[in-house]
Amino acid sequence: MDYINAFWVGGLICALVQILMEKTKMLPGRIMVLLVCLGAVLGALQIYQPFMEFAGAGASVPLLGFGNTLWKGVKEAVDENGFIGIFMGGFKASAVGISAALIFSYIASIIFQPKMKK
């Protein structure tokens, strides 16, 4: 049942974002920032954690989950280090995901040799 919940929740999030992209004139970058900020706000309001427990990877993988991860990292760092934790918590919490994205995108660029559009 966990796989089914992850599938339909992740699909629903992606479908809603696709509708938002199609029906508004918002640029994709702004929508991505909106999703990350929304995930952080929902995490701060303690709404996102129960949602993630229900949906698993369906809620933790999209950009909403990334925002929630940033929020949790900042909250933990502020509890440990005070004010300076605001600046270091997000980096500490998301370092593995960001590093993996950079490494795998570099490997993909070597394999597929991308070219600029003309």
PDB file of N, CA and C in Angstrom:
ATOM      1  N   MET A   1       0.820  -1.201   0.000  1.00  0.00           N
ATOM      2  CA  MET A   1       0.000   0.000   0.000  1.00  0.00           C
ATOM      3  C   MET A   1       0.866   1.269   0.000  1.00  0.00           C
ATOM      4  N   ASP A   2       2.070   1.162   0.577  1.00  0.00           N
ATOM      5  CA  ASP A   2       2.964   2.319   0.607  1.00  0.00           C
ATOM      6  C   ASP A   2       3.318   2.777  -0.800  1.00  0.00           C
ATOM      7  N   TYR A   3       3.564   1.826  -1.695  1.00  0.00           N
ATOM      8  CA  TYR A   3       3.915   2.172  -3.072  1.00  0.00           C
ATOM      9  C   TYR A   3       2.754   2.861  -3.784  1.00  0.00           C
ATOM     10  N   ILE A   4       1.558   2.386  -3.527  1.00  0.00           N
ATOM     11  CA  ILE A   4       0.372   2.975  -4.171  1.00  0.00           C
ATOM     12  C   ILE A   4       0.175   4.402  -3.687  1.00  0.00           C
ATOM     13  N   ASN A   5       0.296   4.629  -2.379  1.00  0.00           N
ATOM     14  CA  ASN A   5       0.149   5.984  -1.847  1.00  0.00           C
ATOM     15  C   ASN A   5       1.223   6.914  -2.391  1.00  0.00           C
ATOM     16  N   ALA A   6       2.458   6.430  -2.462  1.00  0.00           N
ATOM     17  CA  ALA A   6       3.538   7.258  -3.018  1.00  0.00           C
ATOM     18  C   ALA A   6       3.251   7.595  -4.475  1.00  0.00           C
ATOM     19  N   PHE A   7       2.751   6.617  -5.228  1.00  0.00           N
ATOM     20  CA  PHE A   7       2.491   6.831  -6.648  1.00  0.00           C
ATOM     21  C   PHE A   7       1.393   7.853  -6.877  1.00  0.00           C
ATOM     22  N   TRP A   8       0.260   7.705  -6.192  1.00  0.00           N
ATOM     23  CA  TRP A   8      -0.843   8.622  -6.493  1.00  0.00           C
ATOM     24  C   TRP A   8      -0.610  10.010  -5.907  1.00  0.00           C
ATOM     25  N   VAL A   9       0.056  10.106  -4.758  1.00  0.00           N
ATOM     26  CA  VAL A   9       0.326  11.431  -4.190  1.00  0.00           C
ATOM     27  C   VAL A   9       1.363  12.168  -5.028  1.00  0.00           C
ATOM     28  N   GLY A  10       2.440  11.483  -5.409  1.00  0.00           N
ATOM     29  CA  GLY A  10       3.446  12.109  -6.266  1.00  0.00           C
ATOM     30  C   GLY A  10       2.863  12.502  -7.611  1.00  0.00           C
ATOM     31  N   GLY A  11       2.027  11.640  -8.168  1.00  0.00           N
ATOM     32  CA  GLY A  11       1.368  11.955  -9.437  1.00  0.00           C
ATOM     33  C   GLY A  11       0.435  13.136  -9.319  1.00  0.00           C
ATOM     34  N   LEU A  12      -0.282  13.219  -8.209  1.00  0.00           N
ATOM     35  CA  LEU A  12      -1.194  14.344  -7.990  1.00  0.00           C
ATOM     36  C   LEU A  12      -0.430  15.657  -7.868  1.00  0.00           C
ATOM     37  N   ILE A  13       0.665  15.642  -7.133  1.00  0.00           N
ATOM     38  CA  ILE A  13       1.491  16.849  -7.009  1.00  0.00           C
ATOM     39  C   ILE A  13       1.997  17.279  -8.382  1.00  0.00           C
ATOM     40  N   CYS A  14       2.516  16.344  -9.142  1.00  0.00           N
ATOM     41  CA  CYS A  14       3.031  16.667 -10.482  1.00  0.00           C
ATOM     42  C   CYS A  14       1.924  17.156 -11.408  1.00  0.00           C
ATOM     43  N   ALA A  15       0.741  16.549 -11.325  1.00  0.00           N
ATOM     44  CA  ALA A  15      -0.379  16.976 -12.171  1.00  0.00           C
ATOM     45  C   ALA A  15      -0.823  18.396 -11.813  1.00  0.00           C
ATOM     46  N   LEU A  16      -0.882  18.704 -10.523  1.00  0.00           N
ATOM     47  CA  LEU A  16      -1.276  20.055 -10.110  1.00  0.00           C
ATOM     48  C   LEU A  16      -0.246  21.092 -10.567  1.00  0.00           C
ATOM     49  N   VAL A  17       1.018  20.745 -10.497  1.00  0.00           N
ATOM     50  CA  VAL A  17       2.061  21.663 -10.962  1.00  0.00           C
ATOM     51  C   VAL A  17       1.971  21.841 -12.475  1.00  0.00           C
ATOM     52  N   GLN A  18       1.689  20.760 -13.191  1.00  0.00           N
ATOM     53  CA  GLN A  18       1.547  20.861 -14.641  1.00  0.00           C
ATOM     54  C   GLN A  18       0.368  21.757 -15.004  1.00  0.00           C
ATOM     55  N   ILE A  19      -0.739  21.624 -14.286  1.00  0.00           N
ATOM     56  CA  ILE A  19      -1.901  22.498 -14.519  1.00  0.00           C
ATOM     57  C   ILE A  19      -1.525  23.946 -14.243  1.00  0.00           C
ATOM     58  N   LEU A  20      -0.788  24.178 -13.163  1.00  0.00           N
ATOM     59  CA  LEU A  20      -0.337  25.530 -12.832  1.00  0.00           C
ATOM     60  C   LEU A  20       0.538  26.096 -13.949  1.00  0.00           C
ATOM     61  N   MET A  21       1.398  25.272 -14.517  1.00  0.00           N
ATOM     62  CA  MET A  21       2.268  25.734 -15.607  1.00  0.00           C
ATOM     63  C   MET A  21       1.467  26.047 -16.864  1.00  0.00           C
ATOM     64  N   GLU A  22       0.454  25.236 -17.144  1.00  0.00           N
ATOM     65  CA  GLU A  22      -0.325  25.405 -18.364  1.00  0.00           C
ATOM     66  C   GLU A  22      -1.309  26.565 -18.279  1.00  0.00           C
ATOM     67  N   LYS A  23      -1.904  26.778 -17.113  1.00  0.00           N
ATOM     68  CA  LYS A  23      -2.997  27.746 -16.983  1.00  0.00           C
ATOM     69  C   LYS A  23      -2.558  29.132 -16.532  1.00  0.00           C
ATOM     70  N   THR A  24      -1.320  29.274 -16.107  1.00  0.00           N
ATOM     71  CA  THR A  24      -0.833  30.596 -15.705  1.00  0.00           C
ATOM     72  C   THR A  24       0.335  30.987 -16.603  1.00  0.00           C
ATOM     73  N   LYS A  25       0.740  32.223 -16.481  1.00  0.00           N
ATOM     74  CA  LYS A  25       1.881  32.707 -17.251  1.00  0.00           C
ATOM     75  C   LYS A  25       3.159  32.703 -16.411  1.00  0.00           C
ATOM     76  N   MET A  26       3.120  31.954 -15.309  1.00  0.00           N
ATOM     77  CA  MET A  26       4.302  31.876 -14.457  1.00  0.00           C
ATOM     78  C   MET A  26       5.401  31.083 -15.162  1.00  0.00           C
ATOM     79  N   LEU A  27       6.612  31.567 -15.035  1.00  0.00           N
ATOM     80  CA  LEU A  27       7.763  30.874 -15.601  1.00  0.00           C
ATOM     81  C   LEU A  27       8.106  29.666 -14.731  1.00  0.00           C
ATOM     82  N   PRO A  28       8.680  28.620 -15.322  1.00  0.00           N
ATOM     83  CA  PRO A  28       8.998  27.420 -14.547  1.00  0.00           C
ATOM     84  C   PRO A  28       9.895  27.690 -13.332  1.00  0.00           C
ATOM     85  N   GLY A  29      10.835  28.599 -13.456  1.00  0.00           N
ATOM     86  CA  GLY A  29      11.701  28.916 -12.320  1.00  0.00           C
ATOM     87  C   GLY A  29      10.921  29.472 -11.139  1.00  0.00           C
ATOM     88  N   ARG A  30       9.949  30.313 -11.422  1.00  0.00           N
ATOM     89  CA  ARG A  30       9.127  30.872 -10.342  1.00  0.00           C
ATOM     90  C   ARG A  30       8.250  29.808  -9.704  1.00  0.00           C
ATOM     91  N   ILE A  31       7.766  28.890 -10.508  1.00  0.00           N
ATOM     92  CA  ILE A  31       6.953  27.801  -9.960  1.00  0.00           C
ATOM     93  C   ILE A  31       7.816  26.912  -9.065  1.00  0.00           C
ATOM     94  N   MET A  32       9.053  26.665  -9.469  1.00  0.00           N
ATOM     95  CA  MET A  32       9.950  25.857  -8.645  1.00  0.00           C
ATOM     96  C   MET A  32      10.233  26.544  -7.311  1.00  0.00           C
ATOM     97  N   VAL A  33      10.459  27.840  -7.343  1.00  0.00           N
ATOM     98  CA  VAL A  33      10.693  28.582  -6.103  1.00  0.00           C
ATOM     99  C   VAL A  33       9.441  28.556  -5.232  1.00  0.00           C
ATOM    100  N   LEU A  34       8.280  28.697  -5.855  1.00  0.00           N
ATOM    101  CA  LEU A  34       7.015  28.628  -5.126  1.00  0.00           C
ATOM    102  C   LEU A  34       6.863  27.282  -4.421  1.00  0.00           C
ATOM    103  N   LEU A  35       7.193  26.198  -5.093  1.00  0.00           N
ATOM    104  CA  LEU A  35       7.072  24.870  -4.499  1.00  0.00           C
ATOM    105  C   LEU A  35       8.035  24.675  -3.329  1.00  0.00           C
ATOM    106  N   VAL A  36       9.268  25.122  -3.486  1.00  0.00           N
ATOM    107  CA  VAL A  36      10.235  24.983  -2.394  1.00  0.00           C
ATOM    108  C   VAL A  36       9.784  25.799  -1.186  1.00  0.00           C
ATOM    109  N   CYS A  37       9.340  27.033  -1.427  1.00  0.00           N
ATOM    110  CA  CYS A  37       8.863  27.879  -0.322  1.00  0.00           C
ATOM    111  C   CYS A  37       7.621  27.300   0.329  1.00  0.00           C
ATOM    112  N   LEU A  38       6.713  26.752  -0.478  1.00  0.00           N
ATOM    113  CA  LEU A  38       5.504  26.139   0.064  1.00  0.00           C
ATOM    114  C   LEU A  38       5.850  24.931   0.924  1.00  0.00           C
ATOM    115  N   GLY A  39       6.807  24.128   0.487  1.00  0.00           N
ATOM    116  CA  GLY A  39       7.250  22.995   1.299  1.00  0.00           C
ATOM    117  C   GLY A  39       7.841  23.435   2.625  1.00  0.00           C
ATOM    118  N   ALA A  40       8.607  24.532   2.610  1.00  0.00           N
ATOM    119  CA  ALA A  40       9.191  25.054   3.854  1.00  0.00           C
ATOM    120  C   ALA A  40       8.109  25.592   4.779  1.00  0.00           C
ATOM    121  N   VAL A  41       7.135  26.297   4.219  1.00  0.00           N
ATOM    122  CA  VAL A  41       6.043  26.841   5.042  1.00  0.00           C
ATOM    123  C   VAL A  41       5.199  25.709   5.636  1.00  0.00           C
ATOM    124  N   LEU A  42       4.876  24.713   4.816  1.00  0.00           N
ATOM    125  CA  LEU A  42       4.094  23.581   5.329  1.00  0.00           C
ATOM    126  C   LEU A  42       4.876  22.815   6.395  1.00  0.00           C
ATOM    127  N   GLY A  43       6.188  22.742   6.249  1.00  0.00           N
ATOM    128  CA  GLY A  43       7.017  22.123   7.278  1.00  0.00           C
ATOM    129  C   GLY A  43       7.014  22.937   8.558  1.00  0.00           C
ATOM    130  N   ALA A  44       7.092  24.252   8.431  1.00  0.00           N
ATOM    131  CA  ALA A  44       7.079  25.124   9.608  1.00  0.00           C
ATOM    132  C   ALA A  44       5.748  25.041  10.344  1.00  0.00           C
ATOM    133  N   LEU A  45       4.674  24.855   9.598  1.00  0.00           N
ATOM    134  CA  LEU A  45       3.346  24.722  10.208  1.00  0.00           C
ATOM    135  C   LEU A  45       3.075  23.299  10.694  1.00  0.00           C
ATOM    136  N   GLN A  46       4.056  22.422  10.551  1.00  0.00           N
ATOM    137  CA  GLN A  46       3.992  21.019  10.954  1.00  0.00           C
ATOM    138  C   GLN A  46       2.867  20.255  10.251  1.00  0.00           C
ATOM    139  N   ILE A  47       2.615  20.628   9.015  1.00  0.00           N
ATOM    140  CA  ILE A  47       1.615  19.941   8.196  1.00  0.00           C
ATOM    141  C   ILE A  47       2.290  18.921   7.292  1.00  0.00           C
ATOM    142  N   TYR A  48       3.501  19.203   6.857  1.00  0.00           N
ATOM    143  CA  TYR A  48       4.135  18.367   5.840  1.00  0.00           C
ATOM    144  C   TYR A  48       4.631  17.030   6.369  1.00  0.00           C
ATOM    145  N   GLN A  49       5.076  16.962   7.623  1.00  0.00           N
ATOM    146  CA  GLN A  49       5.617  15.709   8.156  1.00  0.00           C
ATOM    147  C   GLN A  49       4.571  14.601   8.189  1.00  0.00           C
ATOM    148  N   PRO A  50       3.351  14.839   8.693  1.00  0.00           N
ATOM    149  CA  PRO A  50       2.346  13.770   8.620  1.00  0.00           C
ATOM    150  C   PRO A  50       1.995  13.385   7.181  1.00  0.00           C
ATOM    151  N   PHE A  51       2.022  14.364   6.288  1.00  0.00           N
ATOM    152  CA  PHE A  51       1.771  14.106   4.879  1.00  0.00           C
ATOM    153  C   PHE A  51       2.860  13.203   4.302  1.00  0.00           C
ATOM    154  N   MET A  52       4.125  13.449   4.678  1.00  0.00           N
ATOM    155  CA  MET A  52       5.236  12.618   4.210  1.00  0.00           C
ATOM    156  C   MET A  52       5.161  11.216   4.792  1.00  0.00           C
ATOM    157  N   GLU A  53       4.722  11.088   6.023  1.00  0.00           N
ATOM    158  CA  GLU A  53       4.588   9.761   6.626  1.00  0.00           C
ATOM    159  C   GLU A  53       3.523   8.946   5.904  1.00  0.00           C
ATOM    160  N   PHE A  54       2.490   9.602   5.421  1.00  0.00           N
ATOM    161  CA  PHE A  54       1.437   8.916   4.675  1.00  0.00           C
ATOM    162  C   PHE A  54       1.897   8.550   3.270  1.00  0.00           C
ATOM    163  N   ALA A  55       2.519   9.497   2.571  1.00  0.00           N
ATOM    164  CA  ALA A  55       2.822   9.320   1.149  1.00  0.00           C
ATOM    165  C   ALA A  55       4.245   8.845   0.873  1.00  0.00           C
ATOM    166  N   GLY A  56       5.125   8.885   1.820  1.00  0.00           N
ATOM    167  CA  GLY A  56       6.498   8.422   1.612  1.00  0.00           C
ATOM    168  C   GLY A  56       7.211   9.224   0.536  1.00  0.00           C
ATOM    169  N   ALA A  57       7.811   8.515  -0.419  1.00  0.00           N
ATOM    170  CA  ALA A  57       8.585   9.161  -1.479  1.00  0.00           C
ATOM    171  C   ALA A  57       7.715  10.009  -2.392  1.00  0.00           C
ATOM    172  N   GLY A  58       6.425   9.746  -2.437  1.00  0.00           N
ATOM    173  CA  GLY A  58       5.529  10.562  -3.255  1.00  0.00           C
ATOM    174  C   GLY A  58       5.463  11.998  -2.773  1.00  0.00           C
ATOM    175  N   ALA A  59       5.768  12.218  -1.493  1.00  0.00           N
ATOM    176  CA  ALA A  59       5.766  13.565  -0.943  1.00  0.00           C
ATOM    177  C   ALA A  59       7.169  14.090  -0.682  1.00  0.00           C
ATOM    178  N   SER A  60       8.140  13.208  -0.495  1.00  0.00           N
ATOM    179  CA  SER A  60       9.476  13.678  -0.152  1.00  0.00           C
ATOM    180  C   SER A  60      10.342  13.965  -1.371  1.00  0.00           C
ATOM    181  N   VAL A  61      10.033  13.383  -2.523  1.00  0.00           N
ATOM    182  CA  VAL A  61      10.865  13.571  -3.699  1.00  0.00           C
ATOM    183  C   VAL A  61      10.581  14.875  -4.452  1.00  0.00           C
ATOM    184  N   PRO A  62       9.312  15.296  -4.636  1.00  0.00           N
ATOM    185  CA  PRO A  62       9.080  16.560  -5.360  1.00  0.00           C
ATOM    186  C   PRO A  62       9.682  17.759  -4.630  1.00  0.00           C
ATOM    187  N   LEU A  63       9.648  18.904  -5.267  1.00  0.00           N
ATOM    188  CA  LEU A  63      10.262  20.105  -4.702  1.00  0.00           C
ATOM    189  C   LEU A  63       9.637  20.526  -3.375  1.00  0.00           C
ATOM    190  N   LEU A  64       8.409  20.150  -3.131  1.00  0.00           N
ATOM    191  CA  LEU A  64       7.816  20.421  -1.826  1.00  0.00           C
ATOM    192  C   LEU A  64       8.627  19.736  -0.724  1.00  0.00           C
ATOM    193  N   GLY A  65       9.053  18.516  -0.983  1.00  0.00           N
ATOM    194  CA  GLY A  65       9.870  17.784  -0.024  1.00  0.00           C
ATOM    195  C   GLY A  65      11.229  18.423   0.184  1.00  0.00           C
ATOM    196  N   PHE A  66      11.795  19.001  -0.883  1.00  0.00           N
ATOM    197  CA  PHE A  66      13.074  19.693  -0.760  1.00  0.00           C
ATOM    198  C   PHE A  66      12.936  20.907   0.153  1.00  0.00           C
ATOM    199  N   GLY A  67      11.851  21.657  -0.012  1.00  0.00           N
ATOM    200  CA  GLY A  67      11.606  22.798   0.868  1.00  0.00           C
ATOM    201  C   GLY A  67      11.452  22.369   2.313  1.00  0.00           C
ATOM    202  N   ASN A  68      10.766  21.259   2.524  1.00  0.00           N
ATOM    203  CA  ASN A  68      10.596  20.745   3.879  1.00  0.00           C
ATOM    204  C   ASN A  68      11.936  20.304   4.465  1.00  0.00           C
ATOM    205  N   THR A  69      12.788  19.697   3.655  1.00  0.00           N
ATOM    206  CA  THR A  69      14.116  19.298   4.114  1.00  0.00           C
ATOM    207  C   THR A  69      14.945  20.515   4.510  1.00  0.00           C
ATOM    208  N   LEU A  70      14.874  21.561   3.704  1.00  0.00           N
ATOM    209  CA  LEU A  70      15.586  22.798   4.051  1.00  0.00           C
ATOM    210  C   LEU A  70      15.088  23.344   5.377  1.00  0.00           C
ATOM    211  N   TRP A  71      13.772  23.352   5.561  1.00  0.00           N
ATOM    212  CA  TRP A  71      13.197  23.863   6.804  1.00  0.00           C
ATOM    213  C   TRP A  71      13.685  23.046   8.004  1.00  0.00           C
ATOM    214  N   LYS A  72      13.643  21.725   7.893  1.00  0.00           N
ATOM    215  CA  LYS A  72      14.075  20.893   9.017  1.00  0.00           C
ATOM    216  C   LYS A  72      15.544  21.126   9.337  1.00  0.00           C
ATOM    217  N   GLY A  73      16.375  21.270   8.296  1.00  0.00           N
ATOM    218  CA  GLY A  73      17.797  21.533   8.522  1.00  0.00           C
ATOM    219  C   GLY A  73      18.037  22.859   9.214  1.00  0.00           C
ATOM    220  N   VAL A  74      17.327  23.885   8.790  1.00  0.00           N
ATOM    221  CA  VAL A  74      17.482  25.205   9.411  1.00  0.00           C
ATOM    222  C   VAL A  74      17.001  25.159  10.857  1.00  0.00           C
ATOM    223  N   LYS A  75      15.883  24.508  11.101  1.00  0.00           N
ATOM    224  CA  LYS A  75      15.344  24.421  12.469  1.00  0.00           C
ATOM    225  C   LYS A  75      16.326  23.710  13.395  1.00  0.00           C
ATOM    226  N   GLU A  76      16.883  22.578  12.942  1.00  0.00           N
ATOM    227  CA  GLU A  76      17.854  21.845  13.770  1.00  0.00           C
ATOM    228  C   GLU A  76      19.110  22.672  14.015  1.00  0.00           C
ATOM    229  N   ALA A  77      19.602  23.357  12.983  1.00  0.00           N
ATOM    230  CA  ALA A  77      20.827  24.150  13.131  1.00  0.00           C
ATOM    231  C   ALA A  77      20.602  25.349  14.047  1.00  0.00           C
ATOM    232  N   VAL A  78      19.426  25.955  13.984  1.00  0.00           N
ATOM    233  CA  VAL A  78      19.131  27.077  14.883  1.00  0.00           C
ATOM    234  C   VAL A  78      19.052  26.584  16.324  1.00  0.00           C
ATOM    235  N   ASP A  79      18.461  25.406  16.536  1.00  0.00           N
ATOM    236  CA  ASP A  79      18.400  24.844  17.892  1.00  0.00           C
ATOM    237  C   ASP A  79      19.789  24.558  18.444  1.00  0.00           C
ATOM    238  N   GLU A  80      20.713  24.123  17.575  1.00  0.00           N
ATOM    239  CA  GLU A  80      22.070  23.786  18.028  1.00  0.00           C
ATOM    240  C   GLU A  80      22.994  24.998  18.114  1.00  0.00           C
ATOM    241  N   ASN A  81      22.925  25.891  17.097  1.00  0.00           N
ATOM    242  CA  ASN A  81      23.939  26.940  16.970  1.00  0.00           C
ATOM    243  C   ASN A  81      23.393  28.358  17.110  1.00  0.00           C
ATOM    244  N   GLY A  82      22.124  28.513  17.312  1.00  0.00           N
ATOM    245  CA  GLY A  82      21.555  29.845  17.429  1.00  0.00           C
ATOM    246  C   GLY A  82      21.369  30.508  16.070  1.00  0.00           C
ATOM    247  N   PHE A  83      21.542  31.812  16.042  1.00  0.00           N
ATOM    248  CA  PHE A  83      21.257  32.617  14.848  1.00  0.00           C
ATOM    249  C   PHE A  83      22.042  32.166  13.619  1.00  0.00           C
ATOM    250  N   ILE A  84      23.286  31.767  13.786  1.00  0.00           N
ATOM    251  CA  ILE A  84      24.123  31.373  12.647  1.00  0.00           C
ATOM    252  C   ILE A  84      23.560  30.131  11.956  1.00  0.00           C
ATOM    253  N   GLY A  85      22.754  29.352  12.668  1.00  0.00           N
ATOM    254  CA  GLY A  85      22.129  28.162  12.096  1.00  0.00           C
ATOM    255  C   GLY A  85      21.201  28.472  10.941  1.00  0.00           C
ATOM    256  N   ILE A  86      20.687  29.700  10.881  1.00  0.00           N
ATOM    257  CA  ILE A  86      19.833  30.109   9.761  1.00  0.00           C
ATOM    258  C   ILE A  86      20.593  29.977   8.453  1.00  0.00           C
ATOM    259  N   PHE A  87      21.874  30.289   8.489  1.00  0.00           N
ATOM    260  CA  PHE A  87      22.677  30.312   7.268  1.00  0.00           C
ATOM    261  C   PHE A  87      23.291  28.957   6.927  1.00  0.00           C
ATOM    262  N   MET A  88      23.476  28.085   7.906  1.00  0.00           N
ATOM    263  CA  MET A  88      24.153  26.823   7.626  1.00  0.00           C
ATOM    264  C   MET A  88      23.231  25.614   7.607  1.00  0.00           C
ATOM    265  N   GLY A  89      22.057  25.701   8.172  1.00  0.00           N
ATOM    266  CA  GLY A  89      21.182  24.541   8.307  1.00  0.00           C
ATOM    267  C   GLY A  89      20.691  23.967   6.998  1.00  0.00           C
ATOM    268  N   GLY A  90      20.287  24.825   6.079  1.00  0.00           N
ATOM    269  CA  GLY A  90      19.787  24.353   4.795  1.00  0.00           C
ATOM    270  C   GLY A  90      20.851  23.650   3.978  1.00  0.00           C
ATOM    271  N   PHE A  91      22.091  24.161   4.050  1.00  0.00           N
ATOM    272  CA  PHE A  91      23.190  23.538   3.312  1.00  0.00           C
ATOM    273  C   PHE A  91      23.528  22.165   3.885  1.00  0.00           C
ATOM    274  N   LYS A  92      23.528  22.086   5.193  1.00  0.00           N
ATOM    275  CA  LYS A  92      23.870  20.826   5.846  1.00  0.00           C
ATOM    276  C   LYS A  92      22.816  19.757   5.558  1.00  0.00           C
ATOM    277  N   ALA A  93      21.550  20.140   5.577  1.00  0.00           N
ATOM    278  CA  ALA A  93      20.474  19.170   5.395  1.00  0.00           C
ATOM    279  C   ALA A  93      20.348  18.689   3.960  1.00  0.00           C
ATOM    280  N   SER A  94      20.695  19.523   3.008  1.00  0.00           N
ATOM    281  CA  SER A  94      20.461  19.171   1.603  1.00  0.00           C
ATOM    282  C   SER A  94      21.739  18.882   0.828  1.00  0.00           C
ATOM    283  N   ALA A  95      22.865  18.810   1.498  1.00  0.00           N
ATOM    284  CA  ALA A  95      24.145  18.652   0.798  1.00  0.00           C
ATOM    285  C   ALA A  95      24.214  17.373  -0.024  1.00  0.00           C
ATOM    286  N   VAL A  96      23.714  16.276   0.491  1.00  0.00           N
ATOM    287  CA  VAL A  96      23.802  15.001  -0.230  1.00  0.00           C
ATOM    288  C   VAL A  96      22.982  15.063  -1.517  1.00  0.00           C
ATOM    289  N   GLY A  97      21.760  15.565  -1.442  1.00  0.00           N
ATOM    290  CA  GLY A  97      20.910  15.650  -2.628  1.00  0.00           C
ATOM    291  C   GLY A  97      21.461  16.581  -3.684  1.00  0.00           C
ATOM    292  N   ILE A  98      21.952  17.712  -3.261  1.00  0.00           N
ATOM    293  CA  ILE A  98      22.526  18.669  -4.214  1.00  0.00           C
ATOM    294  C   ILE A  98      23.797  18.101  -4.840  1.00  0.00           C
ATOM    295  N   SER A  99      24.633  17.476  -4.029  1.00  0.00           N
ATOM    296  CA  SER A  99      25.861  16.872  -4.566  1.00  0.00           C
ATOM    297  C   SER A  99      25.539  15.775  -5.572  1.00  0.00           C
ATOM    298  N   ALA A 100      24.569  14.943  -5.260  1.00  0.00           N
ATOM    299  CA  ALA A 100      24.184  13.872  -6.189  1.00  0.00           C
ATOM    300  C   ALA A 100      23.666  14.457  -7.495  1.00  0.00           C
ATOM    301  N   ALA A 101      22.861  15.496  -7.423  1.00  0.00           N
ATOM    302  CA  ALA A 101      22.336  16.127  -8.645  1.00  0.00           C
ATOM    303  C   ALA A 101      23.467  16.678  -9.497  1.00  0.00           C
ATOM    304  N   LEU A 102      24.442  17.312  -8.883  1.00  0.00           N
ATOM    305  CA  LEU A 102      25.574  17.854  -9.638  1.00  0.00           C
ATOM    306  C   LEU A 102      26.425  16.753 -10.261  1.00  0.00           C
ATOM    307  N   ILE A 103      26.713  15.732  -9.483  1.00  0.00           N
ATOM    308  CA  ILE A 103      27.569  14.644  -9.988  1.00  0.00           C
ATOM    309  C   ILE A 103      26.890  13.897 -11.131  1.00  0.00           C
ATOM    310  N   PHE A 104      25.615  13.526 -10.955  1.00  0.00           N
ATOM    311  CA  PHE A 104      24.921  12.756 -11.989  1.00  0.00           C
ATOM    312  C   PHE A 104      24.650  13.591 -13.235  1.00  0.00           C
ATOM    313  N   SER A 105      24.404  14.887 -13.063  1.00  0.00           N
ATOM    314  CA  SER A 105      24.211  15.719 -14.256  1.00  0.00           C
ATOM    315  C   SER A 105      25.528  15.894 -15.004  1.00  0.00           C
ATOM    316  N   TYR A 106      26.641  15.956 -14.294  1.00  0.00           N
ATOM    317  CA  TYR A 106      27.944  16.033 -14.954  1.00  0.00           C
ATOM    318  C   TYR A 106      28.231  14.748 -15.737  1.00  0.00           C
ATOM    319  N   ILE A 107      27.953  13.603 -15.122  1.00  0.00           N
ATOM    320  CA  ILE A 107      28.156  12.321 -15.807  1.00  0.00           C
ATOM    321  C   ILE A 107      27.266  12.242 -17.042  1.00  0.00           C
ATOM    322  N   ALA A 108      26.015  12.674 -16.927  1.00  0.00           N
ATOM    323  CA  ALA A 108      25.107  12.655 -18.082  1.00  0.00           C
ATOM    324  C   ALA A 108      25.623  13.563 -19.186  1.00  0.00           C
ATOM    325  N   SER A 109      26.199  14.702 -18.824  1.00  0.00           N
ATOM    326  CA  SER A 109      26.712  15.609 -19.851  1.00  0.00           C
ATOM    327  C   SER A 109      27.925  15.027 -20.567  1.00  0.00           C
ATOM    328  N   ILE A 110      28.701  14.234 -19.878  1.00  0.00           N
ATOM    329  CA  ILE A 110      29.840  13.576 -20.516  1.00  0.00           C
ATOM    330  C   ILE A 110      29.361  12.485 -21.478  1.00  0.00           C
ATOM    331  N   ILE A 111      28.370  11.710 -21.052  1.00  0.00           N
ATOM    332  CA  ILE A 111      27.881  10.599 -21.870  1.00  0.00           C
ATOM    333  C   ILE A 111      27.147  11.101 -23.108  1.00  0.00           C
ATOM    334  N   PHE A 112      26.270  12.082 -22.938  1.00  0.00           N
ATOM    335  CA  PHE A 112      25.404  12.495 -24.035  1.00  0.00           C
ATOM    336  C   PHE A 112      25.900  13.710 -24.801  1.00  0.00           C
ATOM    337  N   GLN A 113      26.929  14.382 -24.351  1.00  0.00           N
ATOM    338  CA  GLN A 113      27.523  15.532 -25.018  1.00  0.00           C
ATOM    339  C   GLN A 113      26.467  16.536 -25.503  1.00  0.00           C
ATOM    340  N   PRO A 114      25.860  17.274 -24.579  1.00  0.00           N
ATOM    341  CA  PRO A 114      24.804  18.217 -24.973  1.00  0.00           C
ATOM    342  C   PRO A 114      25.350  19.369 -25.815  1.00  0.00           C
ATOM    343  N   LYS A 115      24.497  19.919 -26.622  1.00  0.00           N
ATOM    344  CA  LYS A 115      24.859  21.056 -27.484  1.00  0.00           C
ATOM    345  C   LYS A 115      23.874  22.187 -27.251  1.00  0.00           C
ATOM    346  N   MET A 116      24.329  23.397 -27.477  1.00  0.00           N
ATOM    347  CA  MET A 116      23.451  24.568 -27.336  1.00  0.00           C
ATOM    348  C   MET A 116      22.448  24.603 -28.487  1.00  0.00           C
ATOM    349  N   LYS A 117      21.237  25.077 -28.195  1.00  0.00           N
ATOM    350  CA  LYS A 117      20.258  25.257 -29.258  1.00  0.00           C
ATOM    351  C   LYS A 117      20.644  26.437 -30.121  1.00  0.00           C
ATOM    352  N   LYS A 118      20.329  26.331 -31.403  1.00  0.00           N
ATOM    353  CA  LYS A 118      20.667  27.432 -32.313  1.00  0.00           C
ATOM    354  C   LYS A 118      19.434  28.198 -32.679  1.00  0.00           C
TER     355      LYS A 118
END
